[in-house]
Structures are given as C-alpha cells and as structure tokens.
C-alpha cells in the first residue's frame, strides 16, 4: 500500500496464504525469496489478520518496499467471530469457499487497472486450501502455483481423501470406530507411504459425517491443486524423498523448496527482514533469559498457534516439566486452554520459579537456534519441524489434530523413536 517504484517487465506474483499464522509465515518466506529473484510481490491477507499484524508490529510495519506490497480482502465473517479467528476453523473454511473469490477477483482487477501504476499480474501463488486462487487465475488466463505449507507426506495423505471415501474407509460407520481399533487399519496402497495406519493420516478422515466440512474442504483444495500450473512444497529431498518421488509423476511441475528460512538467513542486509508475520506480540526477553543458561540445557515447549488443550492436559504437561528437573521455556498462548484461561497450580509455579520461564509468544527461530536450547516439545506443526531440523534441535512430539500425526511419521521414519500411542 502506498506509492513505490517498480522494475519494468518484472514478473508480478500475487501471493495469498490461508489466514492462519503458520501458513502466512511460510508463504511470506517464499514471497521474500521470489522478491530477491526479481519478482514484484503483492501479498494478500484478510483485513482481520492485516490489522492483527499491524497491532503487533506497529502502524508502519507492513509499508513494504519497492516491488513488495500488502493488500487485503475481507474474510466474510461476522465481527464477533474475529475476537478469536483461530478458534472456529470450520467457519473460516466455509467462508473461504463462499466469500473469498469475489473480493480477490476485484483486487486483481484493481491491480491490473492501467492507471494503478502496478505491473500487470503475471501469476498467482495460492495456498492449496485457498482453491479460489486457481479459479481466479483461470479467469485471467495466467499461471497459478499451488503452495503447500505442509509436508509432502501430509500433501500425499490429503490427496487420498477421495479414494479413502470411495473405498469405504471413511466416513466411519459410527462413533465406536474411534476406539475399537479400526483406526489402526493399515493402508498399503498409498504411493511413497508404506503401511501407514488410518490414524496416521490427516485426522479430517476421522469423522462419521459424510458432509464433514473439513474433510470436504481438503478435497476441494486437492481438486484445485490438480488444475495448477505447478506445485511447490515446503520440504526437502533428504527428509521426504520417497513421497516426493511418488508425487513427481502425479505433478510434473513439482518443486521441493524447503527449508525456506535458510536462504533468507544467509543475507545480513535483507531489507525485508523487519517485515514479520506474527499475530501475537513476541516476548524477546526470553532470549536474555536463555543467555543465562548452560548449552543444551533448556527444554523449549510450544504447541503452535492453533492447538487447544484441556486444563487437565495443561497441568499434566506442567508437572512433567517440573519432574524433569530441566530448565524450560514454555510458550502458553492466552487461548491455549479450550474455553477458559490457562492457569497453572501455584505449587507448580513455586517449584519451578528458578528454572522455568513462561511467555505468551516468542521469536521461535531465534529460540531454536540459541545454544542453550537442547530439546523441543512440539505439536508437530510443519514450520516447527522444519525450523527444529534446520537448527539441529531434537524434538519430543505431541501431535494434536489435522495432519500433525502424519508429520510425526516423517520425524519417526527419518530421525526418531516411538514411545507410546
């Protein structure tokens, strides 16, 4: 937003991530890399998330640079929903399919207006669960790249949803199938994913409802990706070679582009470095606290931006950390506990006051790369896994929902051990 100079004839990519912290982060990193390579970038957030970013970073934090600008579209949700937009994923997904195409198409038309001073839009980079991006690109007759902010293993799992439905594996017959061992059924026909169990596939298949919103939302995304000009996945060959080899014949123009942070971190004078994507205010004091700790001594705990847990689970994690006798840095979002505030027992706080630090959010990449951090208790979000692998930090994994159990399998197959079910 605002006036800027642009390089004549530069390709102009419009990037639109799914409106959640991890998806915005991954797409923004990719957009920054493209900008370095000479692309003009228009990065599109929802109005709600754009305001959250400004609230965290300051009123001028998204002013951008020549050739890199931010635009917004409405999310089509009522104001009451926006008090905690991460809480009701189903409503957001319904709105993505019903309400996003029209304002996005209007934005593209505005960008392409000759009097706008912009270069013509030459391609769209759309999150795989923002399939309207493919429709908009087809209307303009320009290329569209589908961006997977998830693992290749999760992407392949999502691509089997229709087959799993057609073969009768989902929806589940009734609620007893959640606990009667059925989810341990081995699926042996998915390319690149040998002998994976139903419970290890993205959890949206674990439904008894044939009209399940999230299950069908994923199918819509997969159908959109099948029409894209190309596919990019935030992963790398050494981590997911088998499944990438299986995906390549399905998508001839498929590229593994991770870890995205490594090329960005190589530049010391990156003019876009100050442009972040945090939807929560980061507590940088934790870095000073880490400076006082011995190398490889601190357990870092963070369950990401969307996971919610019960109050009992929160307390159990707390006592686990207390009993470990290790120093710990624990990130507890204000909305981490479902339906109530996150409150820890006073005896836990007293026992751990000299070796534990609790913060509401932090600069995770800096934390993981700090020499004091020796382990990471994570929910298996893909950004977290990629960042931890890149930093060389061992992980203790607690998958919660979505494709996190699927990502756990990547960790186990390549670098881990299983301790429990």
Protein backbone atom coordinates (compact mmCIF):
# COMPACT_ATOMS: atom_id res chain seq x y z
CA UNK A 1 0.00 0.00 0.00
CA UNK A 2 1.42 3.39 -0.92
CA UNK A 3 3.44 4.64 -3.85
CA UNK A 4 6.51 2.71 -4.99
CA UNK A 5 8.84 2.33 -7.91
CA UNK A 6 8.93 -0.95 -9.80
CA UNK A 7 11.29 -2.59 -12.28
CA UNK A 8 9.82 -2.62 -15.75
CA UNK A 9 8.93 -6.08 -17.05
CA UNK A 10 9.37 -7.78 -13.66
CA UNK A 11 7.04 -10.72 -13.11
CA UNK A 12 4.25 -9.80 -10.69
CA UNK A 13 3.15 -12.58 -8.33
CA UNK A 14 0.09 -12.24 -6.12
CA UNK A 15 0.52 -14.44 -3.04
CA UNK A 16 -2.46 -15.46 -0.93
CA UNK A 17 -1.94 -17.71 2.10
CA UNK A 18 -4.56 -19.44 4.18
CA UNK A 19 -5.33 -16.97 7.02
CA UNK A 20 -3.51 -18.77 9.84
CA UNK A 21 -0.16 -17.94 11.42
CA UNK A 22 1.82 -20.90 10.09
CA UNK A 23 0.51 -20.57 6.54
CA UNK A 24 1.15 -16.82 6.44
CA UNK A 25 4.68 -17.35 7.74
CA UNK A 26 5.60 -19.98 5.17
CA UNK A 27 4.10 -18.04 2.26
CA UNK A 28 5.79 -14.81 3.35
CA UNK A 29 9.19 -16.51 3.39
CA UNK A 30 8.61 -17.82 -0.12
CA UNK A 31 7.45 -14.38 -1.29
CA UNK A 32 10.60 -12.78 0.12
CA UNK A 33 12.77 -15.27 -1.78
CA UNK A 34 10.90 -14.53 -5.02
CA UNK A 35 11.33 -10.79 -4.40
CA UNK A 36 15.07 -11.33 -4.12
CA UNK A 37 14.95 -13.06 -7.50
CA UNK A 38 13.35 -10.04 -9.15
CA UNK A 39 9.63 -10.65 -8.67
CA UNK A 40 7.22 -7.86 -7.87
CA UNK A 41 5.11 -9.20 -4.96
CA UNK A 42 1.60 -8.38 -3.82
CA UNK A 43 0.93 -10.25 -0.57
CA UNK A 44 -2.75 -10.61 0.34
CA UNK A 45 -4.01 -11.07 3.90
CA UNK A 46 -7.51 -10.87 5.30
CA UNK A 47 -8.42 -7.46 6.71
CA UNK A 48 -8.63 -9.00 10.17
CA UNK A 49 -5.18 -10.59 10.07
CA UNK A 50 -3.67 -7.49 8.47
CA UNK A 51 -4.87 -5.44 11.43
CA UNK A 52 -3.50 -8.04 13.86
CA UNK A 53 -0.12 -7.81 12.16
CA UNK A 54 -0.19 -4.02 12.47
CA UNK A 55 -1.21 -4.27 16.12
CA UNK A 56 1.85 -6.43 16.79
CA UNK A 57 4.41 -4.76 14.54
CA UNK A 58 3.29 -1.13 14.60
CA UNK A 59 1.33 1.08 12.17
CA UNK A 60 4.13 1.22 9.59
CA UNK A 61 5.35 -2.36 9.88
CA UNK A 62 3.75 -3.50 6.61
CA UNK A 63 4.58 -0.49 4.46
CA UNK A 64 6.68 -2.78 2.31
CA UNK A 65 9.40 -1.82 -0.17
CA UNK A 66 9.57 -1.07 -3.87
CA UNK A 67 8.17 -4.14 -5.53
CA UNK A 68 6.75 -5.66 -2.33
CA UNK A 69 3.36 -4.54 -1.09
CA UNK A 70 0.49 -5.76 1.06
CA UNK A 71 -3.20 -5.79 0.16
CA UNK A 72 -6.26 -7.09 1.95
CA UNK A 73 -9.60 -8.74 1.30
CA UNK A 74 -12.48 -9.27 3.78
CA UNK A 75 -12.90 -12.71 5.33
CA UNK A 76 -16.71 -12.64 5.16
CA UNK A 77 -17.07 -13.46 8.86
CA UNK A 78 -19.06 -11.52 11.47
CA UNK A 79 -17.15 -9.19 13.82
CA UNK A 80 -18.00 -11.40 16.80
CA UNK A 81 -16.04 -14.26 15.21
CA UNK A 82 -12.96 -12.12 14.82
CA UNK A 83 -12.36 -11.88 18.56
CA UNK A 84 -10.53 -15.19 18.15
CA UNK A 85 -10.38 -16.09 14.49
CA UNK A 86 -8.32 -19.25 15.09
CA UNK A 87 -10.96 -20.79 17.33
CA UNK A 88 -13.50 -21.88 14.71
CA UNK A 89 -11.64 -23.32 11.74
CA UNK A 90 -14.83 -24.73 10.22
CA UNK A 91 -16.45 -21.28 9.89
CA UNK A 92 -13.29 -19.93 8.31
CA UNK A 93 -13.09 -22.79 5.81
CA UNK A 94 -16.74 -22.34 4.81
CA UNK A 95 -16.11 -18.64 4.29
CA UNK A 96 -13.00 -19.33 2.18
CA UNK A 97 -15.11 -21.31 -0.29
CA UNK A 98 -18.13 -18.99 -0.28
CA UNK A 99 -16.82 -15.48 0.24
CA UNK A 100 -13.21 -15.07 -0.89
CA UNK A 101 -13.33 -15.36 -4.69
CA UNK A 102 -15.33 -12.18 -5.41
CA UNK A 103 -13.16 -9.74 -3.38
CA UNK A 104 -9.98 -11.46 -4.55
CA UNK A 105 -11.04 -11.12 -8.19
CA UNK A 106 -11.92 -7.46 -7.57
CA UNK A 107 -8.45 -6.90 -6.09
CA UNK A 108 -6.80 -8.49 -9.13
CA UNK A 109 -8.86 -6.24 -11.40
CA UNK A 110 -7.72 -3.19 -9.40
CA UNK A 111 -4.08 -4.26 -9.61
CA UNK A 112 -4.41 -4.72 -13.37
CA UNK A 113 -6.02 -1.31 -13.97
CA UNK A 114 -3.65 0.65 -16.26
CA UNK A 115 -3.95 3.77 -14.11
CA UNK A 116 -2.97 1.89 -10.92
CA UNK A 117 0.75 2.21 -11.60
CA UNK A 118 1.22 -1.53 -10.97
CA UNK A 119 2.81 -4.05 -13.22
CA UNK A 120 0.23 -6.47 -14.66
CA UNK A 121 -0.32 -9.56 -12.55
CA UNK A 122 1.51 -12.40 -14.26
CA UNK A 123 0.91 -15.27 -11.83
CA UNK A 124 -0.90 -16.24 -8.62
CA UNK A 125 0.63 -18.25 -5.79
CA UNK A 126 -2.23 -19.70 -3.79
CA UNK A 127 -2.23 -21.82 -0.67
CA UNK A 128 -3.55 -25.25 -1.50
CA UNK A 129 -6.56 -24.73 0.79
CA UNK A 130 -7.40 -21.45 -0.96
CA UNK A 131 -8.65 -23.09 -4.18
CA UNK A 132 -10.41 -19.92 -5.38
CA UNK A 133 -6.91 -18.73 -6.35
CA UNK A 134 -6.91 -21.34 -9.11
CA UNK A 135 -10.32 -20.15 -10.31
CA UNK A 136 -9.19 -16.53 -10.37
CA UNK A 137 -6.05 -17.41 -12.34
CA UNK A 138 -8.09 -19.38 -14.87
CA UNK A 139 -10.37 -16.37 -15.35
CA UNK A 140 -7.33 -14.18 -16.08
CA UNK A 141 -5.63 -16.91 -18.12
CA UNK A 142 -2.42 -16.64 -16.12
CA UNK A 143 -0.35 -19.35 -14.41
CA UNK A 144 -1.16 -20.37 -10.84
CA UNK A 145 1.18 -22.15 -8.46
CA UNK A 146 -0.31 -24.09 -5.57
CA UNK A 147 1.72 -23.69 -2.38
CA UNK A 148 1.73 -26.47 0.23
CA UNK A 149 2.77 -25.12 3.63
CA UNK A 150 2.54 -28.70 4.92
CA UNK A 151 4.80 -31.71 4.47
CA UNK A 152 4.88 -33.78 1.29
CA UNK A 153 3.66 -36.71 3.40
CA UNK A 154 0.64 -34.68 4.53
CA UNK A 155 0.02 -33.48 0.99
CA UNK A 156 0.00 -37.06 -0.29
CA UNK A 157 -2.32 -38.05 2.54
CA UNK A 158 -4.76 -35.28 1.64
CA UNK A 159 -4.66 -36.36 -1.98
CA UNK A 160 -6.04 -39.77 -0.94
CA UNK A 161 -9.17 -38.43 0.77
CA UNK A 162 -11.44 -39.05 -2.21
CA UNK A 163 -10.06 -42.58 -2.67
CA UNK A 164 -10.44 -43.35 1.02
CA UNK A 165 -14.06 -42.23 0.80
CA UNK A 166 -14.71 -44.18 -2.40
CA UNK A 167 -13.13 -47.35 -0.94
CA UNK A 168 -15.29 -47.08 2.18
CA UNK A 169 -12.59 -46.29 4.74
CA UNK A 170 -14.27 -43.00 5.63
CA UNK A 171 -16.64 -41.73 6.93
CA UNK A 172 -16.52 -44.04 9.93
CA UNK A 173 -19.60 -46.22 10.43
CA UNK A 174 -20.29 -44.92 13.96
CA UNK A 175 -18.54 -43.43 17.00
CA UNK A 176 -17.31 -46.85 18.20
CA UNK A 177 -14.81 -46.82 15.32
CA UNK A 178 -12.80 -44.14 17.13
CA UNK A 179 -11.87 -46.58 19.90
CA UNK A 180 -12.39 -50.15 18.63
CA UNK A 181 -9.04 -50.45 16.83
CA UNK A 182 -10.38 -49.60 13.38
CA UNK A 183 -8.08 -46.59 13.08
CA UNK A 184 -5.11 -49.00 13.29
CA UNK A 185 -6.14 -50.39 9.89
CA UNK A 186 -3.07 -50.40 7.63
CA UNK A 187 -3.36 -48.70 4.25
CA UNK A 188 -0.83 -50.28 1.89
CA UNK A 189 -1.69 -48.66 -1.43
CA UNK A 190 -0.67 -45.01 -0.97
CA UNK A 191 2.43 -44.26 -3.07
CA UNK A 192 5.52 -43.41 -1.04
CA UNK A 193 3.79 -44.08 2.30
CA UNK A 194 4.27 -47.76 3.09
CA UNK A 195 1.98 -49.41 5.63
CA UNK A 196 0.58 -46.25 7.14
CA UNK A 197 -2.35 -46.58 9.55
CA UNK A 198 -5.59 -44.65 9.19
CA UNK A 199 -4.86 -42.80 12.46
CA UNK A 200 -1.58 -41.57 10.97
CA UNK A 201 -3.27 -39.88 8.02
CA UNK A 202 -4.59 -36.31 8.37
CA UNK A 203 -7.24 -36.53 11.09
CA UNK A 204 -10.02 -34.98 9.00
CA UNK A 205 -10.83 -38.51 7.77
CA UNK A 206 -11.80 -39.40 11.36
CA UNK A 207 -15.43 -38.39 11.01
CA UNK A 208 -18.80 -40.14 10.92
CA UNK A 209 -20.35 -37.32 8.86
CA UNK A 210 -20.26 -37.70 5.04
CA UNK A 211 -20.77 -33.93 4.82
CA UNK A 212 -17.95 -33.11 7.23
CA UNK A 213 -16.83 -29.55 6.47
CA UNK A 214 -13.09 -30.00 6.94
CA UNK A 215 -12.93 -33.32 5.06
CA UNK A 216 -14.69 -31.87 2.04
CA UNK A 217 -12.68 -28.63 2.31
CA UNK A 218 -9.48 -30.64 1.85
CA UNK A 219 -10.96 -32.42 -1.17
CA UNK A 220 -11.78 -29.01 -2.72
CA UNK A 221 -8.17 -27.95 -2.16
CA UNK A 222 -6.80 -31.09 -3.79
CA UNK A 223 -9.07 -30.62 -6.80
CA UNK A 224 -7.80 -27.07 -7.16
CA UNK A 225 -4.17 -28.20 -6.93
CA UNK A 226 -4.76 -30.71 -9.73
CA UNK A 227 -5.51 -27.78 -12.06
CA UNK A 228 -2.49 -25.68 -11.08
CA UNK A 229 0.40 -24.86 -13.39
CA UNK A 230 2.86 -26.01 -10.73
CA UNK A 231 3.17 -27.25 -7.15
CA UNK A 232 5.65 -26.08 -4.52
CA UNK A 233 6.06 -27.82 -1.16
CA UNK A 234 7.97 -26.55 1.84
CA UNK A 235 10.17 -29.63 2.28
CA UNK A 236 13.42 -31.11 1.01
CA UNK A 237 14.55 -34.38 -0.56
CA UNK A 238 16.60 -35.74 2.32
CA UNK A 239 13.60 -35.52 4.64
CA UNK A 240 10.83 -36.86 2.37
CA UNK A 241 12.49 -38.44 -0.65
CA UNK A 242 10.15 -41.44 -1.03
CA UNK A 243 6.93 -39.46 -1.05
CA UNK A 244 8.40 -36.72 -3.26
CA UNK A 245 9.44 -39.40 -5.75
CA UNK A 246 5.85 -40.71 -5.66
CA UNK A 247 4.34 -37.25 -6.13
CA UNK A 248 6.55 -36.27 -9.08
CA UNK A 249 4.76 -38.41 -11.72
CA UNK A 250 1.43 -37.06 -10.47
CA UNK A 251 2.61 -33.44 -10.76
CA UNK A 252 5.37 -32.98 -13.36
CA UNK A 253 5.94 -29.38 -12.25
CA UNK A 254 6.50 -30.10 -8.57
CA UNK A 255 9.27 -28.45 -6.59
CA UNK A 256 10.53 -29.05 -3.04
CA UNK A 257 11.67 -25.61 -1.86
CA UNK A 258 12.49 -26.00 1.83
CA UNK A 259 13.84 -25.11 4.27
CA UNK A 260 12.74 -21.62 3.31
CA UNK A 261 14.47 -19.84 6.17
CA UNK A 262 17.99 -20.96 5.20
CA UNK A 263 18.43 -18.75 2.09
CA UNK A 264 16.75 -15.86 3.90
CA UNK A 265 19.10 -16.15 6.87
CA UNK A 266 22.17 -16.04 4.65
CA UNK A 267 21.69 -12.34 3.93
CA UNK A 268 22.77 -9.92 6.66
CA UNK A 269 21.32 -6.85 4.94
CA UNK A 270 17.89 -8.14 3.92
CA UNK A 271 15.66 -5.05 3.55
CA UNK A 272 12.56 -7.22 4.12
CA UNK A 273 13.83 -8.79 7.35
CA UNK A 274 11.81 -6.42 9.51
CA UNK A 275 8.55 -7.45 7.84
CA UNK A 276 7.20 -10.25 10.01
CA UNK A 277 4.03 -12.29 10.22
CA UNK A 278 3.45 -12.63 13.94
CA UNK A 279 -0.17 -12.49 15.03
CA UNK A 280 0.96 -12.35 18.68
CA UNK A 281 3.40 -9.96 20.31
CA UNK A 282 6.77 -11.70 20.72
CA UNK A 283 8.46 -11.69 24.11
CA UNK A 284 12.14 -11.14 23.27
CA UNK A 285 13.11 -11.08 26.95
CA UNK A 286 13.18 -14.86 26.80
CA UNK A 287 16.35 -14.60 24.70
CA UNK A 288 18.08 -12.77 27.55
CA UNK A 289 16.86 -15.47 29.94
CA UNK A 290 18.32 -18.15 27.65
CA UNK A 291 21.67 -16.35 27.73
CA UNK A 292 21.94 -17.25 31.41
CA UNK A 293 21.51 -20.99 30.80
CA UNK A 294 24.10 -23.66 30.04
CA UNK A 295 24.41 -25.00 26.47
CA UNK A 296 21.83 -27.66 25.52
CA UNK A 297 20.16 -27.48 28.94
CA UNK A 298 16.75 -25.92 28.21
CA UNK A 299 13.58 -27.68 27.08
CA UNK A 300 11.60 -25.39 24.77
CA UNK A 301 7.83 -26.03 24.75
CA UNK A 302 5.45 -24.56 22.18
CA UNK A 303 2.22 -26.05 20.82
CA UNK A 304 1.84 -23.58 17.97
CA UNK A 305 -0.81 -21.06 17.01
CA UNK A 306 -3.94 -23.23 16.67
CA UNK A 307 -3.73 -26.15 19.10
CA UNK A 308 -6.04 -26.04 22.11
CA UNK A 309 -5.96 -28.43 25.05
CA UNK A 310 -7.89 -29.16 28.22
CA UNK A 311 -6.97 -27.65 31.58
CA UNK A 312 -6.03 -31.16 32.76
CA UNK A 313 -3.61 -31.61 29.85
CA UNK A 314 -2.01 -28.25 30.60
CA UNK A 315 -1.45 -29.22 34.24
CA UNK A 316 -0.08 -32.63 33.27
CA UNK A 317 2.45 -31.04 30.93
CA UNK A 318 3.39 -28.69 33.75
CA UNK A 319 4.06 -31.50 36.20
CA UNK A 320 6.03 -33.34 33.53
CA UNK A 321 8.27 -30.32 33.13
CA UNK A 322 8.58 -29.94 36.90
CA UNK A 323 9.55 -33.59 37.33
CA UNK A 324 12.08 -33.43 34.51
CA UNK A 325 14.29 -31.14 36.62
CA UNK A 326 15.41 -29.39 33.44
CA UNK A 327 15.19 -25.65 32.83
CA UNK A 328 12.33 -24.89 30.45
CA UNK A 329 10.90 -22.12 28.31
CA UNK A 330 7.15 -22.72 27.89
CA UNK A 331 5.01 -20.73 25.46
CA UNK A 332 1.40 -20.54 26.66
CA UNK A 333 -0.94 -18.57 24.39
CA UNK A 334 -3.86 -16.82 26.13
CA UNK A 335 -6.25 -19.12 24.23
CA UNK A 336 -4.29 -22.37 24.65
CA UNK A 337 -6.83 -23.93 27.02
CA UNK A 338 -10.20 -24.59 25.41
CA UNK A 339 -12.97 -22.40 26.80
CA UNK A 340 -11.06 -20.97 29.75
CA UNK A 341 -7.88 -19.20 30.83
CA UNK A 342 -4.63 -21.11 31.07
CA UNK A 343 -3.99 -21.38 34.82
CA UNK A 344 -1.23 -23.46 36.39
CA UNK A 345 -1.23 -24.61 40.03
CA UNK A 346 0.57 -22.34 42.47
CA UNK A 347 2.72 -25.24 43.69
CA UNK A 348 3.99 -25.79 40.13
CA UNK A 349 4.88 -22.10 39.79
CA UNK A 350 6.65 -22.13 43.16
CA UNK A 351 8.60 -25.31 42.44
CA UNK A 352 9.83 -24.15 39.02
CA UNK A 353 10.27 -20.41 39.57
CA UNK A 354 14.08 -20.63 39.49
CA UNK A 355 14.38 -22.76 36.35
CA UNK A 356 11.28 -22.11 34.26
CA UNK A 357 10.11 -19.19 32.15
CA UNK A 358 6.57 -18.87 30.78
CA UNK A 359 5.82 -16.46 27.90
CA UNK A 360 2.80 -15.91 25.66
CA UNK A 361 4.75 -15.97 22.36
CA UNK A 362 8.38 -15.79 21.22
CA UNK A 363 10.65 -15.48 18.16
CA UNK A 364 10.81 -19.22 17.61
CA UNK A 365 13.61 -19.42 15.07
CA UNK A 366 15.89 -17.39 17.34
CA UNK A 367 14.95 -19.57 20.30
CA UNK A 368 15.63 -22.82 18.44
CA UNK A 369 18.99 -21.52 17.26
CA UNK A 370 20.02 -20.42 20.74
CA UNK A 371 22.84 -22.61 22.13
CA UNK A 372 21.03 -23.06 25.46
CA UNK A 373 18.12 -24.97 23.85
CA UNK A 374 18.64 -28.73 23.92
CA UNK A 375 15.18 -30.05 23.12
CA UNK A 376 11.80 -29.02 21.72
CA UNK A 377 8.41 -30.31 22.90
CA UNK A 378 6.23 -29.62 19.86
CA UNK A 379 2.78 -30.27 18.43
CA UNK A 380 4.36 -31.30 15.09
CA UNK A 381 3.42 -28.19 13.16
CA UNK A 382 5.35 -28.33 9.92
CA UNK A 383 7.03 -24.94 10.34
CA UNK A 384 8.17 -26.05 13.80
CA UNK A 385 9.57 -29.33 12.47
CA UNK A 386 11.43 -27.65 9.61
CA UNK A 387 12.83 -24.97 11.92
CA UNK A 388 13.89 -27.53 14.52
CA UNK A 389 15.57 -29.77 11.96
CA UNK A 390 17.36 -26.76 10.48
CA UNK A 391 18.60 -25.76 13.95
CA UNK A 392 19.63 -29.32 14.84
CA UNK A 393 17.36 -29.47 17.91
CA UNK A 394 15.87 -32.88 18.95
CA UNK A 395 12.08 -32.99 19.20
CA UNK A 396 9.62 -34.60 21.57
CA UNK A 397 6.40 -34.77 19.55
CA UNK A 398 2.80 -34.46 20.74
CA UNK A 399 0.58 -34.33 17.63
CA UNK A 400 -2.84 -32.86 18.30
CA UNK A 401 -5.04 -32.59 15.21
CA UNK A 402 -5.12 -32.18 11.44
CA UNK A 403 -2.05 -33.54 9.68
CA UNK A 404 0.19 -33.48 12.77
CA UNK A 405 0.17 -37.27 13.30
CA UNK A 406 1.12 -37.56 9.63
CA UNK A 407 4.07 -35.24 10.21
CA UNK A 408 5.05 -37.26 13.26
CA UNK A 409 5.61 -40.21 10.92
CA UNK A 410 8.11 -38.13 8.93
CA UNK A 411 10.03 -37.46 12.15
CA UNK A 412 9.93 -41.10 13.22
CA UNK A 413 10.92 -42.54 9.85
CA UNK A 414 13.85 -40.20 9.33
CA UNK A 415 15.20 -39.40 12.77
CA UNK A 416 13.14 -40.72 15.67
CA UNK A 417 11.91 -43.36 18.09
CA UNK A 418 8.35 -44.19 19.16
CA UNK A 419 7.44 -44.05 22.86
CA UNK A 420 3.70 -44.65 23.31
CA UNK A 421 0.45 -44.41 21.39
